[in-house]
Amino acid sequence: MRALSQRGKLPGFEETADGFKALAYGWVFDYDLRYSVQEGANGSTLVPTLELKRKMPAIVIAALLLSIWPGVWITDSMLATYFSWYPREFWKTCAWYLPVTVLPMPWVWKTAMGRSRMLAEESARELAERIEKELKS
């Protein structure tokens, strides 16, 4: 597998205590395709699992949460500066800005996670084919 990764055919290859892992590309979030070696009576078997890389979702959640409140201030200031008709009452901006930004987040998150998983599974199948081909040769 190390030779396969050195040829650029196994991205993110790392050896682990019980096998190895490679990078399965998703849409927004990437996954680790982990292979653990299971010893059996007929020889060794590689058991694959697909695991979400936790770093990027944590960064996205933090960025979303930390950007909501400053976004209210910036939007209120910008609208009051450029449009004389816009009321200079902060609570009115909060009344429409917060629902517009916060309410869609669960659907956006679900879409990002679902599409990332789907594309990571496709990437994992391609990696599995490369690994199988390498093991047979």
Protein backbone atom coordinates (compact mmCIF):
# COMPACT_ATOMS: atom_id res chain seq x y z
CA MET A 1 0.00 0.00 0.00
CA ARG A 2 2.94 2.29 0.68
CA ALA A 3 4.08 1.87 -2.93
CA LEU A 4 0.58 2.64 -4.16
CA SER A 5 0.53 5.86 -2.12
CA GLN A 6 3.96 6.89 -3.40
CA ARG A 7 2.64 6.62 -6.95
CA GLY A 8 -0.19 9.02 -5.98
CA LYS A 9 -2.91 6.36 -6.17
CA LEU A 10 -3.76 6.22 -2.44
CA PRO A 11 -4.27 9.76 -1.06
CA GLY A 12 -3.70 10.42 2.62
CA PHE A 13 -2.19 6.99 3.24
CA GLU A 14 -1.13 6.31 6.84
CA GLU A 15 -0.30 3.10 8.59
CA THR A 16 -2.27 2.48 11.79
CA ALA A 17 -1.79 0.01 14.62
CA ASP A 18 -4.27 -2.46 13.12
CA GLY A 19 -3.93 -1.69 9.39
CA PHE A 20 -3.95 1.53 7.37
CA LYS A 21 -6.14 4.42 6.32
CA ALA A 22 -6.57 6.55 3.21
CA LEU A 23 -8.47 9.72 2.39
CA ALA A 24 -11.93 9.43 0.83
CA TYR A 25 -12.91 12.79 -0.62
CA GLY A 26 -16.35 14.16 0.20
CA TRP A 27 -18.15 17.33 -0.85
CA VAL A 28 -17.57 19.63 2.13
CA PHE A 29 -16.28 17.09 4.62
CA ASP A 30 -13.75 14.34 3.95
CA TYR A 31 -13.68 10.85 5.41
CA ASP A 32 -11.02 8.33 6.38
CA LEU A 33 -11.31 4.94 4.72
CA ARG A 34 -9.82 2.69 7.41
CA TYR A 35 -8.79 -0.87 6.76
CA SER A 36 -8.15 -3.09 9.75
CA VAL A 37 -6.50 -6.46 9.35
CA GLN A 38 -8.49 -9.34 10.86
CA GLU A 39 -6.67 -12.61 11.32
CA GLY A 40 -8.73 -15.71 10.57
CA ALA A 41 -8.37 -19.43 9.99
CA ASN A 42 -8.12 -18.93 6.20
CA GLY A 43 -5.67 -16.00 6.43
CA SER A 44 -5.93 -12.26 6.88
CA THR A 45 -8.92 -10.18 5.86
CA LEU A 46 -9.09 -6.43 5.35
CA VAL A 47 -12.20 -4.91 6.95
CA PRO A 48 -13.09 -1.41 5.66
CA THR A 49 -14.86 1.33 7.61
CA LEU A 50 -15.62 4.88 6.56
CA GLU A 51 -15.16 7.51 9.30
CA LEU A 52 -15.82 11.24 9.18
CA LYS A 53 -12.79 13.42 9.78
CA ARG A 54 -13.94 15.47 12.79
CA LYS A 55 -11.75 18.55 12.39
CA MET A 56 -13.53 20.26 9.49
CA PRO A 57 -17.10 19.89 10.84
CA ALA A 58 -15.93 21.43 14.12
CA ILE A 59 -14.35 24.35 12.25
CA VAL A 60 -17.51 24.91 10.18
CA ILE A 61 -19.76 24.83 13.25
CA ALA A 62 -17.50 27.31 15.08
CA ALA A 63 -17.36 29.63 12.06
CA LEU A 64 -21.14 29.57 11.66
CA LEU A 65 -21.82 30.23 15.32
CA LEU A 66 -19.17 32.94 15.65
CA SER A 67 -20.27 34.78 12.52
CA ILE A 68 -23.99 35.14 13.24
CA TRP A 69 -23.90 37.94 15.80
CA PRO A 70 -21.24 40.10 14.07
CA GLY A 71 -23.25 39.61 10.90
CA VAL A 72 -26.25 41.27 12.54
CA TRP A 73 -24.18 44.34 13.50
CA ILE A 74 -22.51 44.62 10.11
CA THR A 75 -25.79 44.23 8.22
CA ASP A 76 -27.57 46.75 10.42
CA SER A 77 -24.75 49.27 10.05
CA MET A 78 -24.48 48.79 6.30
CA LEU A 79 -28.22 49.11 5.66
CA ALA A 80 -28.51 52.20 7.88
CA THR A 81 -25.50 53.80 6.14
CA TYR A 82 -26.48 53.16 2.52
CA PHE A 83 -30.26 53.38 2.72
CA SER A 84 -31.75 56.43 4.39
CA TRP A 85 -35.16 54.76 4.56
CA TYR A 86 -33.86 51.84 6.68
CA PRO A 87 -34.89 52.25 10.35
CA ARG A 88 -32.04 52.88 12.79
CA GLU A 89 -33.39 50.35 15.28
CA PHE A 90 -31.09 47.39 15.90
CA TRP A 91 -33.88 45.10 17.12
CA LYS A 92 -35.61 45.33 13.73
CA THR A 93 -32.52 44.00 11.98
CA CYS A 94 -32.33 41.20 14.56
CA ALA A 95 -35.99 40.39 13.97
CA TRP A 96 -35.48 39.49 10.31
CA TYR A 97 -31.73 38.69 10.12
CA LEU A 98 -31.59 35.99 12.79
CA PRO A 99 -34.46 33.87 11.37
CA VAL A 100 -33.08 34.24 7.84
CA THR A 101 -29.63 33.02 8.89
CA VAL A 102 -30.34 30.55 11.72
CA LEU A 103 -33.45 28.69 10.55
CA PRO A 104 -31.93 27.23 7.33
CA MET A 105 -28.81 25.92 9.12
CA PRO A 106 -30.17 22.44 9.94
CA TRP A 107 -31.11 21.86 6.28
CA VAL A 108 -27.80 23.21 5.03
CA TRP A 109 -25.96 20.98 7.53
CA LYS A 110 -28.00 17.92 6.55
CA THR A 111 -27.32 18.58 2.85
CA ALA A 112 -23.59 19.06 3.43
CA MET A 113 -23.31 15.90 5.53
CA GLY A 114 -25.43 13.77 3.18
CA ARG A 115 -23.70 14.86 -0.02
CA SER A 116 -20.27 14.56 1.61
CA ARG A 117 -21.06 11.02 2.74
CA MET A 118 -22.38 10.05 -0.70
CA LEU A 119 -19.29 11.36 -2.50
CA ALA A 120 -16.97 9.86 0.12
CA GLU A 121 -18.60 6.45 -0.42
CA GLU A 122 -18.01 6.80 -4.15
CA SER A 123 -14.40 7.80 -3.52
CA ALA A 124 -14.01 4.87 -1.11
CA ARG A 125 -15.27 2.43 -3.77
CA GLU A 126 -12.65 3.75 -6.20
CA LEU A 127 -9.95 3.40 -3.55
CA ALA A 128 -11.13 -0.13 -2.72
CA GLU A 129 -10.84 -1.09 -6.39
CA ARG A 130 -7.28 0.25 -6.52
CA ILE A 131 -6.38 -1.58 -3.32
CA GLU A 132 -7.92 -4.83 -4.57
CA LYS A 133 -6.08 -4.51 -7.86
CA GLU A 134 -2.80 -3.87 -6.03
CA LEU A 135 -3.28 -6.86 -3.72
CA LYS A 136 -4.02 -9.21 -6.66
CA SER A 137 -0.90 -8.18 -8.53
